Amino acid sequence: MHWKILESEYISRHPYFTARRDRCQRADGIIIDPYYVVELPTSATALPVTEDGKIVLIRQYRHPVNEIMIETPGGFIDEGEDFVTGMQRELLEETGYHFNQVEHVGRAAANPGLLNNYTEFFLATGGKKTSGQSLDRNEEIDIIEVSFAELRALLMEGKIGQALHVSCIFFALERLQQLKLLI
């Protein structure tokens, strides 16, 4: 059922946008040409809960959709970096919060018809503000602290529009229920 790659040509090589054009052959012999693939590093996002039970969300402008969006913190994992370490780094950079525990709760492929990466989902608990933000040049991030009830309202009103982040919240809330930390 896997396709055989007959040819592959890179049309863009950039840390955040590497694209290639493949010429593939299906198992039944049909040639698919071209098939475009965007290669991205693994990304991660977390539902972060502070030590006093608040959820830390971020608000930032997303140029491709020309909107300011409410999201869970996260970003790309550096090559060779452990996922938990990368998630802890992203949380600290984007929010200034350190979390006592960061637990993997799931993963998903955003668009496996075009993108080759997965996003790893985490639940971060025991958060405490320890520093200021350390943002990348292209980031402008506001921090929002909400209650669990406010988080649910944001979800139900469609105000958290990043599908992978909604998925992360789902997995993290399920884990909190398993731990009996959420009713």
N, C-alpha and C. Protein backbone atom coordinates (compact mmCIF):
# COMPACT_ATOMS: atom_id res chain seq x y z
N MET A 1 0.82 -1.20 0.00
CA MET A 1 0.00 0.00 0.00
C MET A 1 0.86 1.26 0.00
N HIS A 2 2.12 1.18 0.46
CA HIS A 2 3.01 2.34 0.42
C HIS A 2 3.37 2.69 -1.02
N TRP A 3 3.60 3.95 -1.25
CA TRP A 3 4.02 4.39 -2.57
C TRP A 3 5.54 4.34 -2.67
N LYS A 4 6.03 4.08 -3.84
CA LYS A 4 7.47 4.09 -4.11
C LYS A 4 7.82 5.48 -4.66
N ILE A 5 8.82 6.11 -4.07
CA ILE A 5 9.26 7.41 -4.58
C ILE A 5 10.26 7.16 -5.70
N LEU A 6 9.92 7.60 -6.91
CA LEU A 6 10.77 7.42 -8.08
C LEU A 6 11.78 8.55 -8.22
N GLU A 7 11.34 9.77 -7.91
CA GLU A 7 12.20 10.95 -7.96
C GLU A 7 11.75 11.90 -6.86
N SER A 8 12.69 12.69 -6.37
CA SER A 8 12.37 13.70 -5.37
C SER A 8 13.27 14.90 -5.61
N GLU A 9 12.67 16.07 -5.69
CA GLU A 9 13.42 17.30 -5.94
C GLU A 9 12.99 18.37 -4.93
N TYR A 10 13.97 18.96 -4.23
CA TYR A 10 13.64 20.02 -3.29
C TYR A 10 13.44 21.32 -4.05
N ILE A 11 12.34 21.99 -3.74
CA ILE A 11 12.05 23.28 -4.38
C ILE A 11 12.22 24.44 -3.40
N SER A 12 12.36 24.11 -2.11
CA SER A 12 12.63 25.12 -1.08
C SER A 12 13.28 24.42 0.11
N ARG A 13 14.33 25.03 0.62
CA ARG A 13 14.97 24.50 1.84
C ARG A 13 15.10 25.63 2.84
N HIS A 14 14.29 25.57 3.86
CA HIS A 14 14.28 26.57 4.92
C HIS A 14 13.91 25.84 6.20
N PRO A 15 14.45 26.26 7.35
CA PRO A 15 14.13 25.54 8.60
C PRO A 15 12.63 25.38 8.86
N TYR A 16 11.80 26.33 8.42
CA TYR A 16 10.38 26.27 8.68
C TYR A 16 9.54 26.08 7.43
N PHE A 17 10.18 25.93 6.29
CA PHE A 17 9.44 25.62 5.06
C PHE A 17 10.36 24.95 4.06
N THR A 18 10.44 23.66 4.18
CA THR A 18 11.16 22.86 3.20
C THR A 18 10.11 22.13 2.39
N ALA A 19 10.17 22.30 1.08
CA ALA A 19 9.17 21.68 0.21
C ALA A 19 9.87 20.89 -0.88
N ARG A 20 9.24 19.77 -1.22
CA ARG A 20 9.80 18.95 -2.29
C ARG A 20 8.68 18.49 -3.23
N ARG A 21 9.10 18.18 -4.44
CA ARG A 21 8.21 17.63 -5.46
C ARG A 21 8.63 16.19 -5.67
N ASP A 22 7.71 15.27 -5.42
CA ASP A 22 7.98 13.85 -5.59
C ASP A 22 7.27 13.33 -6.84
N ARG A 23 7.87 12.33 -7.43
CA ARG A 23 7.23 11.53 -8.47
C ARG A 23 7.11 10.14 -7.87
N CYS A 24 5.88 9.66 -7.71
CA CYS A 24 5.62 8.42 -6.97
C CYS A 24 4.91 7.39 -7.85
N GLN A 25 5.05 6.15 -7.43
CA GLN A 25 4.33 5.06 -8.07
C GLN A 25 3.52 4.32 -7.00
N ARG A 26 2.21 4.22 -7.23
CA ARG A 26 1.35 3.48 -6.33
C ARG A 26 1.57 1.98 -6.51
N ALA A 27 1.07 1.18 -5.61
CA ALA A 27 1.22 -0.29 -5.68
C ALA A 27 0.59 -0.87 -6.94
N ASP A 28 -0.45 -0.19 -7.47
CA ASP A 28 -1.10 -0.68 -8.69
C ASP A 28 -0.42 -0.19 -9.96
N GLY A 29 0.72 0.49 -9.82
CA GLY A 29 1.50 0.94 -10.97
C GLY A 29 1.21 2.35 -11.44
N ILE A 30 0.16 2.97 -10.96
CA ILE A 30 -0.18 4.33 -11.39
C ILE A 30 0.87 5.31 -10.88
N ILE A 31 1.32 6.20 -11.77
CA ILE A 31 2.31 7.22 -11.44
C ILE A 31 1.58 8.48 -10.97
N ILE A 32 2.01 9.01 -9.85
CA ILE A 32 1.51 10.27 -9.31
C ILE A 32 2.63 11.29 -9.46
N ASP A 33 2.42 12.27 -10.32
CA ASP A 33 3.46 13.27 -10.59
C ASP A 33 2.80 14.58 -11.01
N PRO A 34 2.98 15.65 -10.29
CA PRO A 34 3.79 15.77 -9.08
C PRO A 34 2.97 15.52 -7.82
N TYR A 35 3.65 15.21 -6.73
CA TYR A 35 3.07 15.17 -5.40
C TYR A 35 3.95 16.04 -4.52
N TYR A 36 3.38 17.11 -3.97
CA TYR A 36 4.15 18.06 -3.17
C TYR A 36 4.07 17.71 -1.69
N VAL A 37 5.21 17.81 -1.02
CA VAL A 37 5.31 17.53 0.41
C VAL A 37 6.03 18.70 1.07
N VAL A 38 5.46 19.20 2.15
CA VAL A 38 6.12 20.23 2.96
C VAL A 38 6.71 19.52 4.18
N GLU A 39 8.01 19.65 4.37
CA GLU A 39 8.70 19.03 5.50
C GLU A 39 8.82 20.06 6.62
N LEU A 40 8.36 19.68 7.79
CA LEU A 40 8.44 20.55 8.96
C LEU A 40 9.01 19.77 10.13
N PRO A 41 9.69 20.46 11.05
CA PRO A 41 10.14 19.78 12.26
C PRO A 41 8.93 19.36 13.11
N THR A 42 9.16 18.46 14.04
CA THR A 42 8.13 18.10 15.01
C THR A 42 7.77 19.34 15.81
N SER A 43 6.49 19.51 16.07
CA SER A 43 6.07 20.63 16.91
C SER A 43 5.42 20.08 18.17
N ALA A 44 5.24 20.94 19.14
CA ALA A 44 4.66 20.54 20.42
C ALA A 44 3.82 21.69 20.96
N THR A 45 2.79 21.32 21.71
CA THR A 45 1.97 22.30 22.39
C THR A 45 1.47 21.68 23.69
N ALA A 46 1.15 22.53 24.65
CA ALA A 46 0.74 22.02 25.97
C ALA A 46 -0.43 22.82 26.51
N LEU A 47 -1.24 22.12 27.29
CA LEU A 47 -2.22 22.81 28.13
C LEU A 47 -1.51 23.05 29.45
N PRO A 48 -1.12 24.31 29.74
CA PRO A 48 -0.38 24.61 30.95
C PRO A 48 -1.30 25.07 32.09
N VAL A 49 -1.13 24.42 33.24
CA VAL A 49 -1.94 24.73 34.41
C VAL A 49 -1.00 25.24 35.51
N THR A 50 -1.31 26.40 36.05
CA THR A 50 -0.47 26.98 37.10
C THR A 50 -0.71 26.26 38.42
N GLU A 51 0.16 26.52 39.38
CA GLU A 51 0.02 25.88 40.68
C GLU A 51 -1.26 26.31 41.40
N ASP A 52 -1.86 27.44 41.00
CA ASP A 52 -3.14 27.85 41.60
C ASP A 52 -4.34 27.53 40.69
N GLY A 53 -4.14 26.63 39.70
CA GLY A 53 -5.25 26.12 38.92
C GLY A 53 -5.73 26.96 37.75
N LYS A 54 -4.93 27.92 37.33
CA LYS A 54 -5.28 28.73 36.15
C LYS A 54 -4.66 28.10 34.90
N ILE A 55 -5.32 28.28 33.77
CA ILE A 55 -4.81 27.83 32.48
C ILE A 55 -4.08 29.01 31.84
N VAL A 56 -2.87 28.78 31.34
CA VAL A 56 -2.10 29.82 30.67
C VAL A 56 -2.25 29.64 29.16
N LEU A 57 -2.91 30.61 28.53
CA LEU A 57 -3.06 30.62 27.08
C LEU A 57 -2.30 31.79 26.51
N ILE A 58 -2.13 31.78 25.21
CA ILE A 58 -1.45 32.91 24.56
C ILE A 58 -2.34 33.46 23.46
N ARG A 59 -2.12 34.72 23.16
CA ARG A 59 -2.82 35.37 22.06
C ARG A 59 -1.74 35.97 21.16
N GLN A 60 -1.83 35.59 19.86
CA GLN A 60 -0.85 36.14 18.92
C GLN A 60 -1.42 36.23 17.52
N TYR A 61 -0.84 37.12 16.74
CA TYR A 61 -1.23 37.31 15.34
C TYR A 61 -0.67 36.16 14.51
N ARG A 62 -1.52 35.60 13.66
CA ARG A 62 -1.12 34.53 12.75
C ARG A 62 -1.30 35.04 11.32
N HIS A 63 -0.18 35.38 10.69
CA HIS A 63 -0.20 36.01 9.38
C HIS A 63 -0.90 35.19 8.29
N PRO A 64 -0.67 33.87 8.19
CA PRO A 64 -1.32 33.13 7.10
C PRO A 64 -2.85 33.23 7.09
N VAL A 65 -3.48 33.38 8.25
CA VAL A 65 -4.94 33.53 8.30
C VAL A 65 -5.36 34.96 8.63
N ASN A 66 -4.37 35.85 8.81
CA ASN A 66 -4.62 37.27 9.08
C ASN A 66 -5.54 37.48 10.27
N GLU A 67 -5.26 36.74 11.36
CA GLU A 67 -6.08 36.84 12.57
C GLU A 67 -5.21 36.81 13.82
N ILE A 68 -5.74 37.41 14.87
CA ILE A 68 -5.16 37.24 16.20
C ILE A 68 -5.89 36.06 16.81
N MET A 69 -5.13 35.05 17.23
CA MET A 69 -5.73 33.81 17.71
C MET A 69 -5.35 33.54 19.16
N ILE A 70 -6.26 32.86 19.86
CA ILE A 70 -5.99 32.36 21.20
C ILE A 70 -5.54 30.91 21.03
N GLU A 71 -4.42 30.56 21.66
CA GLU A 71 -3.82 29.25 21.47
C GLU A 71 -3.22 28.75 22.77
N THR A 72 -2.80 27.49 22.74
CA THR A 72 -1.95 26.96 23.80
C THR A 72 -0.51 27.25 23.39
N PRO A 73 0.40 27.44 24.35
CA PRO A 73 1.79 27.71 24.00
C PRO A 73 2.43 26.50 23.32
N GLY A 74 3.41 26.77 22.48
CA GLY A 74 4.13 25.68 21.83
C GLY A 74 5.01 26.17 20.71
N GLY A 75 5.59 25.22 20.02
CA GLY A 75 6.46 25.57 18.90
C GLY A 75 7.18 24.34 18.39
N PHE A 76 8.20 24.58 17.58
CA PHE A 76 8.97 23.49 17.00
C PHE A 76 9.99 22.94 18.00
N ILE A 77 10.16 21.64 17.94
CA ILE A 77 11.19 20.97 18.74
C ILE A 77 12.49 21.00 17.94
N ASP A 78 13.57 21.40 18.58
CA ASP A 78 14.87 21.45 17.90
C ASP A 78 15.35 20.05 17.56
N GLU A 79 16.09 19.94 16.46
CA GLU A 79 16.62 18.64 16.05
C GLU A 79 17.46 18.04 17.17
N GLY A 80 17.18 16.79 17.52
CA GLY A 80 17.91 16.10 18.58
C GLY A 80 17.43 16.41 19.99
N GLU A 81 16.47 17.32 20.11
CA GLU A 81 15.96 17.72 21.43
C GLU A 81 14.87 16.74 21.88
N ASP A 82 14.92 16.35 23.13
CA ASP A 82 13.88 15.53 23.74
C ASP A 82 12.57 16.33 23.72
N PHE A 83 11.45 15.66 23.43
CA PHE A 83 10.16 16.37 23.32
C PHE A 83 9.79 17.11 24.60
N VAL A 84 9.97 16.48 25.75
CA VAL A 84 9.60 17.12 27.02
C VAL A 84 10.48 18.35 27.25
N THR A 85 11.78 18.22 27.00
CA THR A 85 12.71 19.35 27.14
C THR A 85 12.32 20.48 26.20
N GLY A 86 11.99 20.14 24.98
CA GLY A 86 11.57 21.15 24.01
C GLY A 86 10.30 21.85 24.43
N MET A 87 9.35 21.09 24.98
CA MET A 87 8.10 21.68 25.43
C MET A 87 8.35 22.60 26.62
N GLN A 88 9.19 22.18 27.57
CA GLN A 88 9.53 23.03 28.70
C GLN A 88 10.18 24.33 28.23
N ARG A 89 11.06 24.23 27.24
CA ARG A 89 11.73 25.42 26.67
C ARG A 89 10.71 26.36 26.05
N GLU A 90 9.81 25.81 25.24
CA GLU A 90 8.80 26.64 24.59
C GLU A 90 7.88 27.33 25.62
N LEU A 91 7.49 26.59 26.64
CA LEU A 91 6.64 27.19 27.69
C LEU A 91 7.34 28.36 28.36
N LEU A 92 8.60 28.17 28.71
CA LEU A 92 9.36 29.23 29.37
C LEU A 92 9.56 30.43 28.44
N GLU A 93 9.92 30.17 27.18
CA GLU A 93 10.16 31.26 26.23
C GLU A 93 8.89 32.08 25.98
N GLU A 94 7.77 31.39 25.76
CA GLU A 94 6.56 32.10 25.37
C GLU A 94 5.79 32.69 26.54
N THR A 95 5.90 32.08 27.72
CA THR A 95 5.07 32.54 28.85
C THR A 95 5.86 33.03 30.04
N GLY A 96 7.12 32.60 30.19
CA GLY A 96 7.88 32.92 31.39
C GLY A 96 7.54 32.03 32.56
N TYR A 97 6.73 30.99 32.33
CA TYR A 97 6.35 30.05 33.39
C TYR A 97 7.20 28.80 33.31
N HIS A 98 7.59 28.31 34.50
CA HIS A 98 8.23 27.00 34.62
C HIS A 98 7.18 26.05 35.21
N PHE A 99 7.13 24.82 34.71
CA PHE A 99 6.14 23.84 35.16
C PHE A 99 6.85 22.65 35.79
N ASN A 100 6.36 22.24 36.97
CA ASN A 100 6.95 21.12 37.70
C ASN A 100 6.86 19.81 36.94
N GLN A 101 5.77 19.63 36.21
CA GLN A 101 5.57 18.38 35.48
C GLN A 101 5.07 18.67 34.07
N VAL A 102 5.67 18.00 33.10
CA VAL A 102 5.24 18.08 31.72
C VAL A 102 5.07 16.64 31.24
N GLU A 103 3.82 16.27 30.96
CA GLU A 103 3.48 14.89 30.62
C GLU A 103 2.93 14.81 29.20
N HIS A 104 3.45 13.87 28.43
CA HIS A 104 2.98 13.64 27.07
C HIS A 104 1.58 13.01 27.14
N VAL A 105 0.62 13.57 26.37
CA VAL A 105 -0.75 13.05 26.42
C VAL A 105 -1.29 12.64 25.05
N GLY A 106 -0.56 12.89 23.97
CA GLY A 106 -1.05 12.49 22.65
C GLY A 106 -0.25 13.11 21.53
N ARG A 107 -0.68 12.83 20.30
CA ARG A 107 -0.05 13.40 19.12
C ARG A 107 -1.01 13.32 17.95
N ALA A 108 -0.78 14.18 16.96
CA ALA A 108 -1.60 14.16 15.75
C ALA A 108 -0.80 14.76 14.59
N ALA A 109 -1.18 14.34 13.40
CA ALA A 109 -0.64 14.92 12.17
C ALA A 109 -1.62 16.00 11.71
N ALA A 110 -1.14 17.21 11.50
CA ALA A 110 -2.02 18.33 11.16
C ALA A 110 -2.67 18.15 9.80
N ASN A 111 -1.90 17.82 8.81
CA ASN A 111 -2.41 17.67 7.46
C ASN A 111 -1.51 16.69 6.72
N PRO A 112 -1.68 15.38 6.95
CA PRO A 112 -0.77 14.39 6.39
C PRO A 112 -0.87 14.25 4.87
N GLY A 113 -1.79 14.95 4.24
CA GLY A 113 -1.84 14.98 2.79
C GLY A 113 -0.83 15.94 2.20
N LEU A 114 -0.25 16.80 3.03
CA LEU A 114 0.71 17.81 2.57
C LEU A 114 1.92 17.94 3.49
N LEU A 115 1.70 17.86 4.80
CA LEU A 115 2.77 18.07 5.78
C LEU A 115 3.28 16.73 6.29
N ASN A 116 4.59 16.64 6.56
CA ASN A 116 5.17 15.37 7.00
C ASN A 116 5.41 15.30 8.51
N ASN A 117 4.96 16.27 9.27
CA ASN A 117 5.29 16.28 10.70
C ASN A 117 4.10 15.94 11.58
N TYR A 118 4.43 15.68 12.83
CA TYR A 118 3.43 15.47 13.87
C TYR A 118 3.56 16.59 14.89
N THR A 119 2.47 16.81 15.64
CA THR A 119 2.51 17.69 16.79
C THR A 119 2.29 16.84 18.02
N GLU A 120 3.18 16.97 18.99
CA GLU A 120 3.11 16.24 20.25
C GLU A 120 2.34 17.09 21.25
N PHE A 121 1.42 16.45 22.00
CA PHE A 121 0.56 17.15 22.96
C PHE A 121 1.01 16.84 24.39
N PHE A 122 0.97 17.88 25.24
CA PHE A 122 1.41 17.76 26.62
C PHE A 122 0.42 18.40 27.57
N LEU A 123 0.46 17.92 28.79
CA LEU A 123 -0.20 18.56 29.93
C LEU A 123 0.92 19.02 30.84
N ALA A 124 0.97 20.31 31.11
CA ALA A 124 1.98 20.88 32.00
C ALA A 124 1.29 21.36 33.27
N THR A 125 1.78 20.94 34.42
CA THR A 125 1.13 21.30 35.68
C THR A 125 2.15 21.88 36.66
N GLY A 126 1.62 22.58 37.67
CA GLY A 126 2.46 23.17 38.70
C GLY A 126 3.21 24.40 38.23
N GLY A 127 2.62 25.15 37.31
CA GLY A 127 3.30 26.31 36.73
C GLY A 127 3.45 27.48 37.67
N LYS A 128 4.62 28.10 37.55
CA LYS A 128 4.92 29.28 38.35
C LYS A 128 5.71 30.25 37.47
N LYS A 129 5.33 31.53 37.52
CA LYS A 129 6.03 32.56 36.74
C LYS A 129 7.43 32.74 37.32
N THR A 130 8.44 32.48 36.48
CA THR A 130 9.83 32.57 36.95
C THR A 130 10.66 33.58 36.18
N SER A 131 10.15 34.03 35.03
CA SER A 131 10.93 34.98 34.21
C SER A 131 10.00 35.70 33.26
N GLY A 132 10.59 36.61 32.51
CA GLY A 132 9.84 37.25 31.44
C GLY A 132 9.87 36.38 30.20
N GLN A 133 9.17 36.82 29.18
CA GLN A 133 9.16 36.09 27.92
C GLN A 133 10.50 36.26 27.22
N SER A 134 10.83 35.28 26.38
CA SER A 134 12.03 35.33 25.54
C SER A 134 11.59 34.93 24.13
N LEU A 135 11.01 35.89 23.43
CA LEU A 135 10.33 35.61 22.17
C LEU A 135 11.27 35.68 20.97
N ASP A 136 10.90 34.91 19.94
CA ASP A 136 11.58 35.01 18.65
C ASP A 136 11.25 36.34 18.02
N ARG A 137 12.05 36.74 17.04
CA ARG A 137 11.90 38.04 16.39
C ARG A 137 10.51 38.22 15.77
N ASN A 138 9.90 37.14 15.30
CA ASN A 138 8.60 37.24 14.63
C ASN A 138 7.42 36.99 15.56
N GLU A 139 7.68 36.92 16.87
CA GLU A 139 6.59 36.64 17.82
C GLU A 139 6.21 37.88 18.61
N GLU A 140 4.92 38.10 18.72
CA GLU A 140 4.33 39.09 19.61
C GLU A 140 3.23 38.33 20.34
N ILE A 141 3.48 37.98 21.61
CA ILE A 141 2.57 37.09 22.33
C ILE A 141 2.09 37.75 23.61
N ASP A 142 0.77 37.78 23.77
CA ASP A 142 0.16 38.21 25.02
C ASP A 142 -0.22 36.96 25.79
N ILE A 143 -0.04 36.99 27.10
CA ILE A 143 -0.39 35.87 27.97
C ILE A 143 -1.76 36.12 28.56
N ILE A 144 -2.58 35.07 28.56
CA ILE A 144 -3.92 35.14 29.12
C ILE A 144 -4.04 34.01 30.15
N GLU A 145 -4.50 34.33 31.33
CA GLU A 145 -4.80 33.29 32.33
C GLU A 145 -6.30 33.17 32.45
N VAL A 146 -6.81 31.93 32.34
CA VAL A 146 -8.25 31.70 32.42
C VAL A 146 -8.53 30.54 33.36
N SER A 147 -9.75 30.47 33.82
CA SER A 147 -10.20 29.34 34.64
C SER A 147 -10.59 28.19 33.70
N PHE A 148 -10.83 27.01 34.27
CA PHE A 148 -11.29 25.89 33.46
C PHE A 148 -12.64 26.21 32.82
N ALA A 149 -13.52 26.88 33.55
CA ALA A 149 -14.83 27.26 33.00
C ALA A 149 -14.66 28.22 31.82
N GLU A 150 -13.75 29.18 31.97
CA GLU A 150 -13.50 30.13 30.87
C GLU A 150 -12.88 29.42 29.67
N LEU A 151 -12.01 28.44 29.92
CA LEU A 151 -11.42 27.65 28.83
C LEU A 151 -12.52 26.93 28.05
N ARG A 152 -13.42 26.29 28.77
CA ARG A 152 -14.53 25.59 28.10
C ARG A 152 -15.39 26.55 27.29
N ALA A 153 -15.64 27.72 27.83
CA ALA A 153 -16.43 28.73 27.10
C ALA A 153 -15.71 29.16 25.82
N LEU A 154 -14.41 29.40 25.92
CA LEU A 154 -13.64 29.78 24.73
C LEU A 154 -13.72 28.69 23.66
N LEU A 155 -13.63 27.43 24.09
CA LEU A 155 -13.73 26.32 23.15
C LEU A 155 -15.12 26.27 22.50
N MET A 156 -16.15 26.34 23.31
CA MET A 156 -17.52 26.22 22.81
C MET A 156 -17.92 27.40 21.92
N GLU A 157 -17.32 28.55 22.16
CA GLU A 157 -17.61 29.74 21.34
C GLU A 157 -16.74 29.77 20.08
N GLY A 158 -15.86 28.78 19.91
CA GLY A 158 -14.98 28.74 18.74
C GLY A 158 -13.89 29.78 18.76
N LYS A 159 -13.52 30.24 19.95
CA LYS A 159 -12.51 31.29 20.06
C LYS A 159 -11.08 30.74 20.09
N ILE A 160 -10.94 29.43 20.21
CA ILE A 160 -9.63 28.79 20.06
C ILE A 160 -9.70 28.07 18.73
N GLY A 161 -9.09 28.67 17.71
CA GLY A 161 -9.29 28.22 16.35
C GLY A 161 -8.21 27.34 15.76
N GLN A 162 -7.16 27.09 16.50
CA GLN A 162 -6.08 26.26 15.99
C GLN A 162 -6.43 24.81 16.31
N ALA A 163 -6.69 24.01 15.27
CA ALA A 163 -7.22 22.66 15.46
C ALA A 163 -6.31 21.77 16.30
N LEU A 164 -5.00 21.85 16.12
CA LEU A 164 -4.11 21.02 16.92
C LEU A 164 -4.14 21.42 18.38
N HIS A 165 -4.33 22.68 18.65
CA HIS A 165 -4.39 23.15 20.03
C HIS A 165 -5.68 22.70 20.69
N VAL A 166 -6.77 22.70 19.93
CA VAL A 166 -8.04 22.17 20.45
C VAL A 166 -7.85 20.69 20.78
N SER A 167 -7.17 19.95 19.90
CA SER A 167 -6.90 18.53 20.16
C SER A 167 -6.07 18.34 21.42
N CYS A 168 -5.06 19.17 21.58
CA CYS A 168 -4.21 19.10 22.77
C CYS A 168 -5.05 19.32 24.03
N ILE A 169 -5.92 20.32 23.99
CA ILE A 169 -6.77 20.61 25.15
C ILE A 169 -7.64 19.40 25.47
N PHE A 170 -8.21 18.76 24.45
CA PHE A 170 -9.03 17.58 24.65
C PHE A 170 -8.24 16.48 25.37
N PHE A 171 -7.06 16.14 24.86
CA PHE A 171 -6.25 15.09 25.46
C PHE A 171 -5.84 15.46 26.89
N ALA A 172 -5.46 16.73 27.11
CA ALA A 172 -5.02 17.16 28.43
C ALA A 172 -6.18 17.13 29.44
N LEU A 173 -7.35 17.57 29.01
CA LEU A 173 -8.51 17.53 29.92
C LEU A 173 -8.88 16.09 30.26
N GLU A 174 -8.78 15.19 29.29
CA GLU A 174 -9.02 13.77 29.56
C GLU A 174 -8.04 13.24 30.60
N ARG A 175 -6.77 13.64 30.47
CA ARG A 175 -5.76 13.19 31.44
C ARG A 175 -6.05 13.76 32.82
N LEU A 176 -6.45 15.01 32.89
CA LEU A 176 -6.79 15.60 34.19
C LEU A 176 -7.96 14.87 34.83
N GLN A 177 -8.92 14.44 34.02
CA GLN A 177 -10.03 13.67 34.57
C GLN A 177 -9.56 12.31 35.08
N GLN A 178 -8.66 11.66 34.35
CA GLN A 178 -8.11 10.37 34.79
C GLN A 178 -7.40 10.52 36.13
N LEU A 179 -6.71 11.64 36.30
CA LEU A 179 -5.98 11.92 37.55
C LEU A 179 -6.91 12.42 38.65
N LYS A 180 -8.18 12.57 38.31
CA LYS A 180 -9.20 13.07 39.24
C LYS A 180 -8.88 14.49 39.74
N LEU A 181 -8.23 15.26 38.84
CA LEU A 181 -7.93 16.66 39.14
C LEU A 181 -8.94 17.58 38.50
N LEU A 182 -9.89 17.00 37.77
CA LEU A 182 -10.89 17.77 37.07
C LEU A 182 -12.20 16.99 37.10
N ILE A 183 -13.24 17.70 37.42
CA ILE A 183 -14.56 17.05 37.50
C ILE A 183 -15.29 17.29 36.19
